[in-house]
Amino acid sequence: MLDLGLIAWLTLFTALVVFWWHSDAVKNEALKLVDSYCKRLGLQLLDQSMVIKSVWPATDQSGTYRLKRKYRFEFTSTGEQRYRGSIVMIGRNQHSIKLDPHVLPTTEQNLE
C-alpha cells in the first residue's frame, strides 16, 4: 500500500522529470534559433552546444508567468577566433539574442 511519503516522493520525482524534459525542449528550440540567426549573419555556431547561465521567473507579453532562461554559446566569424553570444528565452519564445563584438566576415571567407 502506498503511504503519503511515497506519494510525495513520486510526485517530486515526476515534477523534476517533467521540468527537465521541458527545459531540454526549450534548449533545443533556442539552439535552432541561434543556428538560424548565425547563418543569416554569415557566422558559424561552434560546437552546436549551449550552456544555461540562469533561470528566473518573468512575465511574457501577455502577463503570464514563465521561466526566463539565459543560454551562452560560442560562434566564429572568420574561423580563427571564438566569440561569445547569448540568447534569452521566455517560456519557449525568443526574447533576445546578443553577440559579442566580432570581426565581420568578408565575401571571400566561407565558413560553411
PDB file of N, CA and C in Angstrom:
ATOM      1  N   MET A   1       0.833  -1.179   0.000  1.00  0.00           N
ATOM      2  CA  MET A   1       0.000   0.000   0.000  1.00  0.00           C
ATOM      3  C   MET A   1       0.881   1.246   0.000  1.00  0.00           C
ATOM      4  N   LEU A   2       0.454   2.255  -0.729  1.00  0.00           N
ATOM      5  CA  LEU A   2       1.206   3.498  -0.824  1.00  0.00           C
ATOM      6  C   LEU A   2       0.930   4.381   0.385  1.00  0.00           C
ATOM      7  N   ASP A   3       2.005   4.854   1.003  1.00  0.00           N
ATOM      8  CA  ASP A   3       1.802   5.810   2.088  1.00  0.00           C
ATOM      9  C   ASP A   3       2.019   7.226   1.552  1.00  0.00           C
ATOM     10  N   LEU A   4       1.713   8.196   2.336  1.00  0.00           N
ATOM     11  CA  LEU A   4       1.766   9.589   1.920  1.00  0.00           C
ATOM     12  C   LEU A   4       3.189  10.036   1.558  1.00  0.00           C
ATOM     13  N   GLY A   5       4.178   9.539   2.269  1.00  0.00           N
ATOM     14  CA  GLY A   5       5.576   9.893   1.983  1.00  0.00           C
ATOM     15  C   GLY A   5       6.012   9.405   0.607  1.00  0.00           C
ATOM     16  N   LEU A   6       5.637   8.180   0.252  1.00  0.00           N
ATOM     17  CA  LEU A   6       5.993   7.634  -1.048  1.00  0.00           C
ATOM     18  C   LEU A   6       5.308   8.410  -2.170  1.00  0.00           C
ATOM     19  N   ILE A   7       4.062   8.764  -1.959  1.00  0.00           N
ATOM     20  CA  ILE A   7       3.335   9.551  -2.967  1.00  0.00           C
ATOM     21  C   ILE A   7       4.005  10.919  -3.149  1.00  0.00           C
ATOM     22  N   ALA A   8       4.446  11.525  -2.068  1.00  0.00           N
ATOM     23  CA  ALA A   8       5.127  12.821  -2.150  1.00  0.00           C
ATOM     24  C   ALA A   8       6.434  12.678  -2.940  1.00  0.00           C
ATOM     25  N   TRP A   9       7.222  11.653  -2.683  1.00  0.00           N
ATOM     26  CA  TRP A   9       8.482  11.435  -3.406  1.00  0.00           C
ATOM     27  C   TRP A   9       8.230  11.149  -4.879  1.00  0.00           C
ATOM     28  N   LEU A  10       7.220  10.354  -5.181  1.00  0.00           N
ATOM     29  CA  LEU A  10       6.895  10.075  -6.590  1.00  0.00           C
ATOM     30  C   LEU A  10       6.443  11.338  -7.318  1.00  0.00           C
ATOM     31  N   THR A  11       5.678  12.168  -6.642  1.00  0.00           N
ATOM     32  CA  THR A  11       5.229  13.427  -7.221  1.00  0.00           C
ATOM     33  C   THR A  11       6.413  14.357  -7.478  1.00  0.00           C
ATOM     34  N   LEU A  12       7.313  14.451  -6.530  1.00  0.00           N
ATOM     35  CA  LEU A  12       8.504  15.282  -6.689  1.00  0.00           C
ATOM     36  C   LEU A  12       9.368  14.771  -7.843  1.00  0.00           C
ATOM     37  N   PHE A  13       9.576  13.468  -7.909  1.00  0.00           N
ATOM     38  CA  PHE A  13      10.368  12.873  -8.980  1.00  0.00           C
ATOM     39  C   PHE A  13       9.728  13.139 -10.339  1.00  0.00           C
ATOM     40  N   THR A  14       8.421  12.976 -10.433  1.00  0.00           N
ATOM     41  CA  THR A  14       7.707  13.227 -11.689  1.00  0.00           C
ATOM     42  C   THR A  14       7.826  14.699 -12.089  1.00  0.00           C
ATOM     43  N   ALA A  15       7.692  15.605 -11.137  1.00  0.00           N
ATOM     44  CA  ALA A  15       7.815  17.034 -11.430  1.00  0.00           C
ATOM     45  C   ALA A  15       9.217  17.366 -11.942  1.00  0.00           C
ATOM     46  N   LEU A  16      10.234  16.771 -11.354  1.00  0.00           N
ATOM     47  CA  LEU A  16      11.607  17.012 -11.808  1.00  0.00           C
ATOM     48  C   LEU A  16      11.841  16.471 -13.215  1.00  0.00           C
ATOM     49  N   VAL A  17      11.295  15.317 -13.524  1.00  0.00           N
ATOM     50  CA  VAL A  17      11.436  14.746 -14.868  1.00  0.00           C
ATOM     51  C   VAL A  17      10.725  15.632 -15.885  1.00  0.00           C
ATOM     52  N   VAL A  18       9.527  16.095 -15.578  1.00  0.00           N
ATOM     53  CA  VAL A  18       8.781  16.969 -16.493  1.00  0.00           C
ATOM     54  C   VAL A  18       9.517  18.289 -16.683  1.00  0.00           C
ATOM     55  N   PHE A  19      10.071  18.852 -15.601  1.00  0.00           N
ATOM     56  CA  PHE A  19      10.844  20.094 -15.709  1.00  0.00           C
ATOM     57  C   PHE A  19      12.062  19.886 -16.598  1.00  0.00           C
ATOM     58  N   TRP A  20      12.792  18.801 -16.415  1.00  0.00           N
ATOM     59  CA  TRP A  20      13.976  18.515 -17.226  1.00  0.00           C
ATOM     60  C   TRP A  20      13.582  18.349 -18.690  1.00  0.00           C
ATOM     61  N   TRP A  21      12.505  17.620 -18.955  1.00  0.00           N
ATOM     62  CA  TRP A  21      12.055  17.383 -20.326  1.00  0.00           C
ATOM     63  C   TRP A  21      11.671  18.701 -21.003  1.00  0.00           C
ATOM     64  N   HIS A  22      10.934  19.533 -20.302  1.00  0.00           N
ATOM     65  CA  HIS A  22      10.531  20.834 -20.855  1.00  0.00           C
ATOM     66  C   HIS A  22      11.751  21.732 -21.072  1.00  0.00           C
ATOM     67  N   SER A  23      12.676  21.745 -20.121  1.00  0.00           N
ATOM     68  CA  SER A  23      13.886  22.554 -20.261  1.00  0.00           C
ATOM     69  C   SER A  23      14.722  22.112 -21.454  1.00  0.00           C
ATOM     70  N   ASP A  24      14.785  20.817 -21.697  1.00  0.00           N
ATOM     71  CA  ASP A  24      15.522  20.305 -22.853  1.00  0.00           C
ATOM     72  C   ASP A  24      14.864  20.754 -24.159  1.00  0.00           C
ATOM     73  N   ALA A  25      13.539  20.757 -24.198  1.00  0.00           N
ATOM     74  CA  ALA A  25      12.822  21.212 -25.394  1.00  0.00           C
ATOM     75  C   ALA A  25      13.082  22.701 -25.644  1.00  0.00           C
ATOM     76  N   VAL A  26      13.104  23.513 -24.602  1.00  0.00           N
ATOM     77  CA  VAL A  26      13.385  24.947 -24.744  1.00  0.00           C
ATOM     78  C   VAL A  26      14.818  25.154 -25.222  1.00  0.00           C
ATOM     79  N   LYS A  27      15.754  24.382 -24.672  1.00  0.00           N
ATOM     80  CA  LYS A  27      17.155  24.498 -25.084  1.00  0.00           C
ATOM     81  C   LYS A  27      17.319  24.132 -26.563  1.00  0.00           C
ATOM     82  N   ASN A  28      16.663  23.093 -27.011  1.00  0.00           N
ATOM     83  CA  ASN A  28      16.734  22.698 -28.419  1.00  0.00           C
ATOM     84  C   ASN A  28      16.140  23.773 -29.329  1.00  0.00           C
ATOM     85  N   GLU A  29      15.052  24.383 -28.914  1.00  0.00           N
ATOM     86  CA  GLU A  29      14.447  25.471 -29.685  1.00  0.00           C
ATOM     87  C   GLU A  29      15.402  26.666 -29.748  1.00  0.00           C
ATOM     88  N   ALA A  30      16.030  26.990 -28.631  1.00  0.00           N
ATOM     89  CA  ALA A  30      16.995  28.090 -28.599  1.00  0.00           C
ATOM     90  C   ALA A  30      18.181  27.795 -29.511  1.00  0.00           C
ATOM     91  N   LEU A  31      18.636  26.558 -29.521  1.00  0.00           N
ATOM     92  CA  LEU A  31      19.757  26.175 -30.384  1.00  0.00           C
ATOM     93  C   LEU A  31      19.397  26.346 -31.856  1.00  0.00           C
ATOM     94  N   LYS A  32      18.187  25.971 -32.239  1.00  0.00           N
ATOM     95  CA  LYS A  32      17.739  26.161 -33.626  1.00  0.00           C
ATOM     96  C   LYS A  32      17.681  27.641 -33.988  1.00  0.00           C
ATOM     97  N   LEU A  33      17.156  28.455 -33.078  1.00  0.00           N
ATOM     98  CA  LEU A  33      17.060  29.891 -33.323  1.00  0.00           C
ATOM     99  C   LEU A  33      18.437  30.531 -33.481  1.00  0.00           C
ATOM    100  N   VAL A  34      19.367  30.156 -32.617  1.00  0.00           N
ATOM    101  CA  VAL A  34      20.720  30.719 -32.681  1.00  0.00           C
ATOM    102  C   VAL A  34      21.421  30.262 -33.955  1.00  0.00           C
ATOM    103  N   ASP A  35      21.274  28.997 -34.322  1.00  0.00           N
ATOM    104  CA  ASP A  35      21.900  28.489 -35.539  1.00  0.00           C
ATOM    105  C   ASP A  35      21.383  29.239 -36.764  1.00  0.00           C
ATOM    106  N   SER A  36      20.089  29.440 -36.830  1.00  0.00           N
ATOM    107  CA  SER A  36      19.482  30.179 -37.940  1.00  0.00           C
ATOM    108  C   SER A  36      19.959  31.632 -37.959  1.00  0.00           C
ATOM    109  N   TYR A  37      20.017  32.254 -36.799  1.00  0.00           N
ATOM    110  CA  TYR A  37      20.464  33.646 -36.684  1.00  0.00           C
ATOM    111  C   TYR A  37      21.914  33.782 -37.152  1.00  0.00           C
ATOM    112  N   CYS A  38      22.769  32.873 -36.711  1.00  0.00           N
ATOM    113  CA  CYS A  38      24.183  32.916 -37.116  1.00  0.00           C
ATOM    114  C   CYS A  38      24.332  32.730 -38.625  1.00  0.00           C
ATOM    115  N   LYS A  39      23.575  31.810 -39.196  1.00  0.00           N
ATOM    116  CA  LYS A  39      23.667  31.586 -40.641  1.00  0.00           C
ATOM    117  C   LYS A  39      23.244  32.825 -41.425  1.00  0.00           C
ATOM    118  N   ARG A  40      22.194  33.508 -40.958  1.00  0.00           N
ATOM    119  CA  ARG A  40      21.747  34.732 -41.635  1.00  0.00           C
ATOM    120  C   ARG A  40      22.822  35.810 -41.626  1.00  0.00           C
ATOM    121  N   LEU A  41      23.639  35.841 -40.570  1.00  0.00           N
ATOM    122  CA  LEU A  41      24.679  36.853 -40.449  1.00  0.00           C
ATOM    123  C   LEU A  41      26.023  36.399 -41.025  1.00  0.00           C
ATOM    124  N   GLY A  42      26.064  35.193 -41.566  1.00  0.00           N
ATOM    125  CA  GLY A  42      27.318  34.676 -42.121  1.00  0.00           C
ATOM    126  C   GLY A  42      28.287  34.204 -41.059  1.00  0.00           C
ATOM    127  N   LEU A  43      27.770  33.815 -39.902  1.00  0.00           N
ATOM    128  CA  LEU A  43      28.581  33.336 -38.794  1.00  0.00           C
ATOM    129  C   LEU A  43      28.405  31.832 -38.649  1.00  0.00           C
ATOM    130  N   GLN A  44      29.285  31.221 -37.886  1.00  0.00           N
ATOM    131  CA  GLN A  44      29.181  29.787 -37.657  1.00  0.00           C
ATOM    132  C   GLN A  44      29.058  29.528 -36.163  1.00  0.00           C
ATOM    133  N   LEU A  45      28.011  28.824 -35.782  1.00  0.00           N
ATOM    134  CA  LEU A  45      27.824  28.405 -34.399  1.00  0.00           C
ATOM    135  C   LEU A  45      28.821  27.296 -34.120  1.00  0.00           C
ATOM    136  N   LEU A  46      29.586  27.429 -33.064  1.00  0.00           N
ATOM    137  CA  LEU A  46      30.615  26.443 -32.747  1.00  0.00           C
ATOM    138  C   LEU A  46      30.089  25.396 -31.773  1.00  0.00           C
ATOM    139  N   ASP A  47      30.507  24.192 -31.961  1.00  0.00           N
ATOM    140  CA  ASP A  47      30.239  23.057 -31.073  1.00  0.00           C
ATOM    141  C   ASP A  47      28.769  22.647 -31.013  1.00  0.00           C
ATOM    142  N   GLN A  48      27.895  23.366 -31.690  1.00  0.00           N
ATOM    143  CA  GLN A  48      26.461  23.057 -31.662  1.00  0.00           C
ATOM    144  C   GLN A  48      25.970  22.812 -30.233  1.00  0.00           C
ATOM    145  N   SER A  49      26.470  23.613 -29.307  1.00  0.00           N
ATOM    146  CA  SER A  49      26.066  23.433 -27.918  1.00  0.00           C
ATOM    147  C   SER A  49      25.816  24.776 -27.255  1.00  0.00           C
ATOM    148  N   MET A  50      25.024  24.724 -26.219  1.00  0.00           N
ATOM    149  CA  MET A  50      24.698  25.912 -25.453  1.00  0.00           C
ATOM    150  C   MET A  50      24.737  25.548 -23.979  1.00  0.00           C
ATOM    151  N   VAL A  51      25.100  26.524 -23.152  1.00  0.00           N
ATOM    152  CA  VAL A  51      25.194  26.312 -21.717  1.00  0.00           C
ATOM    153  C   VAL A  51      24.216  27.251 -21.036  1.00  0.00           C
ATOM    154  N   ILE A  52      23.419  26.708 -20.144  1.00  0.00           N
ATOM    155  CA  ILE A  52      22.466  27.557 -19.432  1.00  0.00           C
ATOM    156  C   ILE A  52      23.219  28.347 -18.361  1.00  0.00           C
ATOM    157  N   LYS A  53      22.950  29.652 -18.312  1.00  0.00           N
ATOM    158  CA  LYS A  53      23.616  30.522 -17.358  1.00  0.00           C
ATOM    159  C   LYS A  53      22.703  30.938 -16.211  1.00  0.00           C
ATOM    160  N   SER A  54      21.405  31.068 -16.490  1.00  0.00           N
ATOM    161  CA  SER A  54      20.493  31.460 -15.418  1.00  0.00           C
ATOM    162  C   SER A  54      19.061  31.093 -15.767  1.00  0.00           C
ATOM    163  N   VAL A  55      18.285  30.930 -14.716  1.00  0.00           N
ATOM    164  CA  VAL A  55      16.846  30.669 -14.836  1.00  0.00           C
ATOM    165  C   VAL A  55      16.169  31.480 -13.743  1.00  0.00           C
ATOM    166  N   TRP A  56      15.157  32.256 -14.132  1.00  0.00           N
ATOM    167  CA  TRP A  56      14.416  33.022 -13.148  1.00  0.00           C
ATOM    168  C   TRP A  56      13.003  33.281 -13.660  1.00  0.00           C
ATOM    169  N   PRO A  57      12.057  33.541 -12.771  1.00  0.00           N
ATOM    170  CA  PRO A  57      10.687  33.805 -13.211  1.00  0.00           C
ATOM    171  C   PRO A  57      10.566  35.175 -13.869  1.00  0.00           C
ATOM    172  N   ALA A  58       9.683  35.249 -14.855  1.00  0.00           N
ATOM    173  CA  ALA A  58       9.419  36.504 -15.573  1.00  0.00           C
ATOM    174  C   ALA A  58       8.018  36.421 -16.160  1.00  0.00           C
ATOM    175  N   THR A  59       7.546  37.529 -16.682  1.00  0.00           N
ATOM    176  CA  THR A  59       6.252  37.528 -17.356  1.00  0.00           C
ATOM    177  C   THR A  59       6.471  37.697 -18.844  1.00  0.00           C
ATOM    178  N   ASP A  60       5.624  37.041 -19.628  1.00  0.00           N
ATOM    179  CA  ASP A  60       5.711  37.194 -21.084  1.00  0.00           C
ATOM    180  C   ASP A  60       4.874  38.392 -21.515  1.00  0.00           C
ATOM    181  N   GLN A  61       4.685  38.554 -22.822  1.00  0.00           N
ATOM    182  CA  GLN A  61       3.966  39.717 -23.344  1.00  0.00           C
ATOM    183  C   GLN A  61       2.512  39.770 -22.885  1.00  0.00           C
ATOM    184  N   SER A  62       1.924  38.621 -22.616  1.00  0.00           N
ATOM    185  CA  SER A  62       0.526  38.602 -22.178  1.00  0.00           C
ATOM    186  C   SER A  62       0.377  38.705 -20.666  1.00  0.00           C
ATOM    187  N   GLY A  63       1.512  38.796 -19.949  1.00  0.00           N
ATOM    188  CA  GLY A  63       1.452  38.912 -18.494  1.00  0.00           C
ATOM    189  C   GLY A  63       1.468  37.590 -17.768  1.00  0.00           C
ATOM    190  N   THR A  64       1.611  36.482 -18.485  1.00  0.00           N
ATOM    191  CA  THR A  64       1.652  35.154 -17.881  1.00  0.00           C
ATOM    192  C   THR A  64       3.048  34.881 -17.337  1.00  0.00           C
ATOM    193  N   TYR A  65       3.128  34.282 -16.152  1.00  0.00           N
ATOM    194  CA  TYR A  65       4.426  33.951 -15.582  1.00  0.00           C
ATOM    195  C   TYR A  65       5.031  32.765 -16.322  1.00  0.00           C
ATOM    196  N   ARG A  66       6.283  32.926 -16.701  1.00  0.00           N
ATOM    197  CA  ARG A  66       7.065  31.902 -17.399  1.00  0.00           C
ATOM    198  C   ARG A  66       8.464  31.885 -16.794  1.00  0.00           C
ATOM    199  N   LEU A  67       9.243  30.895 -17.177  1.00  0.00           N
ATOM    200  CA  LEU A  67      10.643  30.886 -16.783  1.00  0.00           C
ATOM    201  C   LEU A  67      11.462  31.583 -17.857  1.00  0.00           C
ATOM    202  N   LYS A  68      12.331  32.456 -17.413  1.00  0.00           N
ATOM    203  CA  LYS A  68      13.236  33.173 -18.312  1.00  0.00           C
ATOM    204  C   LYS A  68      14.596  32.490 -18.199  1.00  0.00           C
ATOM    205  N   ARG A  69      15.075  31.965 -19.325  1.00  0.00           N
ATOM    206  CA  ARG A  69      16.335  31.227 -19.345  1.00  0.00           C
ATOM    207  C   ARG A  69      17.347  31.969 -20.209  1.00  0.00           C
ATOM    208  N   LYS A  70      18.569  32.064 -19.714  1.00  0.00           N
ATOM    209  CA  LYS A  70      19.643  32.668 -20.489  1.00  0.00           C
ATOM    210  C   LYS A  70      20.676  31.592 -20.799  1.00  0.00           C
ATOM    211  N   TYR A  71      20.973  31.442 -22.089  1.00  0.00           N
ATOM    212  CA  TYR A  71      21.956  30.473 -22.560  1.00  0.00           C
ATOM    213  C   TYR A  71      23.136  31.207 -23.172  1.00  0.00           C
ATOM    214  N   ARG A  72      24.329  30.641 -23.029  1.00  0.00           N
ATOM    215  CA  ARG A  72      25.535  31.159 -23.672  1.00  0.00           C
ATOM    216  C   ARG A  72      25.966  30.183 -24.752  1.00  0.00           C
ATOM    217  N   PHE A  73      26.570  30.725 -25.807  1.00  0.00           N
ATOM    218  CA  PHE A  73      27.078  29.893 -26.896  1.00  0.00           C
ATOM    219  C   PHE A  73      28.308  30.573 -27.471  1.00  0.00           C
ATOM    220  N   GLU A  74      29.018  29.851 -28.319  1.00  0.00           N
ATOM    221  CA  GLU A  74      30.193  30.410 -28.976  1.00  0.00           C
ATOM    222  C   GLU A  74      30.016  30.339 -30.478  1.00  0.00           C
ATOM    223  N   PHE A  75      30.563  31.338 -31.161  1.00  0.00           N
ATOM    224  CA  PHE A  75      30.469  31.399 -32.615  1.00  0.00           C
ATOM    225  C   PHE A  75      31.782  31.950 -33.165  1.00  0.00           C
ATOM    226  N   THR A  76      31.953  31.843 -34.465  1.00  0.00           N
ATOM    227  CA  THR A  76      33.111  32.420 -35.129  1.00  0.00           C
ATOM    228  C   THR A  76      32.647  33.140 -36.383  1.00  0.00           C
ATOM    229  N   SER A  77      33.374  34.166 -36.727  1.00  0.00           N
ATOM    230  CA  SER A  77      33.056  34.908 -37.949  1.00  0.00           C
ATOM    231  C   SER A  77      34.082  34.645 -39.040  1.00  0.00           C
ATOM    232  N   THR A  78      35.285  34.288 -38.632  1.00  0.00           N
ATOM    233  CA  THR A  78      36.363  34.075 -39.600  1.00  0.00           C
ATOM    234  C   THR A  78      36.918  32.660 -39.561  1.00  0.00           C
ATOM    235  N   GLY A  79      36.536  31.873 -38.593  1.00  0.00           N
ATOM    236  CA  GLY A  79      37.071  30.527 -38.430  1.00  0.00           C
ATOM    237  C   GLY A  79      38.335  30.506 -37.586  1.00  0.00           C
ATOM    238  N   GLU A  80      38.824  31.676 -37.167  1.00  0.00           N
ATOM    239  CA  GLU A  80      40.070  31.741 -36.407  1.00  0.00           C
ATOM    240  C   GLU A  80      39.855  32.055 -34.926  1.00  0.00           C
ATOM    241  N   GLN A  81      38.859  32.856 -34.611  1.00  0.00           N
ATOM    242  CA  GLN A  81      38.630  33.256 -33.231  1.00  0.00           C
ATOM    243  C   GLN A  81      37.239  32.852 -32.781  1.00  0.00           C
ATOM    244  N   ARG A  82      37.147  32.571 -31.491  1.00  0.00           N
ATOM    245  CA  ARG A  82      35.855  32.270 -30.877  1.00  0.00           C
ATOM    246  C   ARG A  82      35.313  33.529 -30.210  1.00  0.00           C
ATOM    247  N   TYR A  83      34.019  33.725 -30.361  1.00  0.00           N
ATOM    248  CA  TYR A  83      33.334  34.826 -29.698  1.00  0.00           C
ATOM    249  C   TYR A  83      32.144  34.247 -28.952  1.00  0.00           C
ATOM    250  N   ARG A  84      31.668  34.999 -27.985  1.00  0.00           N
ATOM    251  CA  ARG A  84      30.521  34.538 -27.204  1.00  0.00           C
ATOM    252  C   ARG A  84      29.256  35.288 -27.580  1.00  0.00           C
ATOM    253  N   GLY A  85      28.163  34.604 -27.380  1.00  0.00           N
ATOM    254  CA  GLY A  85      26.857  35.201 -27.573  1.00  0.00           C
ATOM    255  C   GLY A  85      25.911  34.660 -26.522  1.00  0.00           C
ATOM    256  N   SER A  86      24.732  35.253 -26.449  1.00  0.00           N
ATOM    257  CA  SER A  86      23.721  34.770 -25.505  1.00  0.00           C
ATOM    258  C   SER A  86      22.343  34.903 -26.129  1.00  0.00           C
ATOM    259  N   ILE A  87      21.464  34.024 -25.696  1.00  0.00           N
ATOM    260  CA  ILE A  87      20.059  34.092 -26.086  1.00  0.00           C
ATOM    261  C   ILE A  87      19.231  33.999 -24.813  1.00  0.00           C
ATOM    262  N   VAL A  88      18.201  34.817 -24.748  1.00  0.00           N
ATOM    263  CA  VAL A  88      17.273  34.794 -23.619  1.00  0.00           C
ATOM    264  C   VAL A  88      15.939  34.290 -24.147  1.00  0.00           C
ATOM    265  N   MET A  89      15.421  33.267 -23.490  1.00  0.00           N
ATOM    266  CA  MET A  89      14.125  32.687 -23.837  1.00  0.00           C
ATOM    267  C   MET A  89      13.163  32.922 -22.675  1.00  0.00           C
ATOM    268  N   ILE A  90      11.958  33.370 -23.003  1.00  0.00           N
ATOM    269  CA  ILE A  90      10.898  33.456 -22.000  1.00  0.00           C
ATOM    270  C   ILE A  90       9.875  32.404 -22.399  1.00  0.00           C
ATOM    271  N   GLY A  91       9.756  31.389 -21.575  1.00  0.00           N
ATOM    272  CA  GLY A  91       8.968  30.224 -21.975  1.00  0.00           C
ATOM    273  C   GLY A  91       9.666  29.573 -23.162  1.00  0.00           C
ATOM    274  N   ARG A  92       8.934  29.354 -24.255  1.00  0.00           N
ATOM    275  CA  ARG A  92       9.529  28.796 -25.471  1.00  0.00           C
ATOM    276  C   ARG A  92       9.766  29.866 -26.534  1.00  0.00           C
ATOM    277  N   ASN A  93       9.629  31.127 -26.164  1.00  0.00           N
ATOM    278  CA  ASN A  93       9.764  32.221 -27.117  1.00  0.00           C
ATOM    279  C   ASN A  93      11.072  32.970 -26.921  1.00  0.00           C
ATOM    280  N   GLN A  94      11.668  33.355 -28.039  1.00  0.00           N
ATOM    281  CA  GLN A  94      12.912  34.125 -28.015  1.00  0.00           C
ATOM    282  C   GLN A  94      12.628  35.536 -27.527  1.00  0.00           C
ATOM    283  N   HIS A  95      13.416  35.985 -26.585  1.00  0.00           N
ATOM    284  CA  HIS A  95      13.315  37.364 -26.103  1.00  0.00           C
ATOM    285  C   HIS A  95      14.403  38.213 -26.743  1.00  0.00           C
ATOM    286  N   SER A  96      15.647  37.724 -26.728  1.00  0.00           N
ATOM    287  CA  SER A  96      16.746  38.485 -27.324  1.00  0.00           C
ATOM    288  C   SER A  96      17.920  37.574 -27.647  1.00  0.00           C
ATOM    289  N   ILE A  97      18.710  38.010 -28.629  1.00  0.00           N
ATOM    290  CA  ILE A  97      19.981  37.372 -28.948  1.00  0.00           C
ATOM    291  C   ILE A  97      21.021  38.480 -28.982  1.00  0.00           C
ATOM    292  N   LYS A  98      22.115  38.274 -28.278  1.00  0.00           N
ATOM    293  CA  LYS A  98      23.192  39.259 -28.243  1.00  0.00           C
ATOM    294  C   LYS A  98      24.499  38.567 -28.605  1.00  0.00           C
ATOM    295  N   LEU A  99      25.308  39.259 -29.400  1.00  0.00           N
ATOM    296  CA  LEU A  99      26.612  38.751 -29.807  1.00  0.00           C
ATOM    297  C   LEU A  99      27.690  39.700 -29.320  1.00  0.00           C
ATOM    298  N   ASP A 100      28.796  39.128 -28.853  1.00  0.00           N
ATOM    299  CA  ASP A 100      29.946  39.960 -28.501  1.00  0.00           C
ATOM    300  C   ASP A 100      30.492  40.609 -29.767  1.00  0.00           C
ATOM    301  N   PRO A 101      31.188  41.736 -29.633  1.00  0.00           N
ATOM    302  CA  PRO A 101      31.799  42.358 -30.816  1.00  0.00           C
ATOM    303  C   PRO A 101      32.728  41.356 -31.507  1.00  0.00           C
ATOM    304  N   HIS A 102      32.655  41.308 -32.832  1.00  0.00           N
ATOM    305  CA  HIS A 102      33.437  40.337 -33.596  1.00  0.00           C
ATOM    306  C   HIS A 102      33.816  40.932 -34.944  1.00  0.00           C
ATOM    307  N   VAL A 103      34.797  40.307 -35.570  1.00  0.00           N
ATOM    308  CA  VAL A 103      35.235  40.701 -36.903  1.00  0.00           C
ATOM    309  C   VAL A 103      34.170  40.257 -37.888  1.00  0.00           C
ATOM    310  N   LEU A 104      33.778  41.146 -38.782  1.00  0.00           N
ATOM    311  CA  LEU A 104      32.776  40.780 -39.777  1.00  0.00           C
ATOM    312  C   LEU A 104      33.419  39.936 -40.872  1.00  0.00           C
ATOM    313  N   PRO A 105      32.735  38.863 -41.304  1.00  0.00           N
ATOM    314  CA  PRO A 105      33.303  38.029 -42.367  1.00  0.00           C
ATOM    315  C   PRO A 105      33.291  38.776 -43.698  1.00  0.00           C
ATOM    316  N   THR A 106      34.307  38.524 -44.509  1.00  0.00           N
ATOM    317  CA  THR A 106      34.348  39.104 -45.851  1.00  0.00           C
ATOM    318  C   THR A 106      33.709  38.124 -46.820  1.00  0.00           C
ATOM    319  N   THR A 107      33.481  38.550 -48.037  1.00  0.00           N
ATOM    320  CA  THR A 107      32.835  37.679 -49.018  1.00  0.00           C
ATOM    321  C   THR A 107      33.731  36.515 -49.407  1.00  0.00           C
ATOM    322  N   GLU A 108      35.056  36.644 -49.244  1.00  0.00           N
ATOM    323  CA  GLU A 108      35.963  35.546 -49.604  1.00  0.00           C
ATOM    324  C   GLU A 108      35.945  34.444 -48.561  1.00  0.00           C
ATOM    325  N   GLN A 109      35.561  34.784 -47.327  1.00  0.00           N
ATOM    326  CA  GLN A 109      35.566  33.797 -46.252  1.00  0.00           C
ATOM    327  C   GLN A 109      34.254  33.032 -46.264  1.00  0.00           C
ATOM    328  N   ASN A 110      34.360  31.743 -46.364  1.00  0.00           N
ATOM    329  CA  ASN A 110      33.173  30.891 -46.362  1.00  0.00           C
ATOM    330  C   ASN A 110      33.306  29.910 -45.225  1.00  0.00           C
ATOM    331  N   LEU A 111      32.430  29.997 -44.249  1.00  0.00           N
ATOM    332  CA  LEU A 111      32.524  29.161 -43.060  1.00  0.00           C
ATOM    333  C   LEU A 111      31.754  27.858 -43.190  1.00  0.00           C
ATOM    334  N   GLU A 112      30.932  27.707 -44.185  1.00  0.00           N
ATOM    335  CA  GLU A 112      30.079  26.524 -44.253  1.00  0.00           C
ATOM    336  C   GLU A 112      30.727  25.365 -44.885  1.00  0.00           C
TER     337      GLU A 112
END
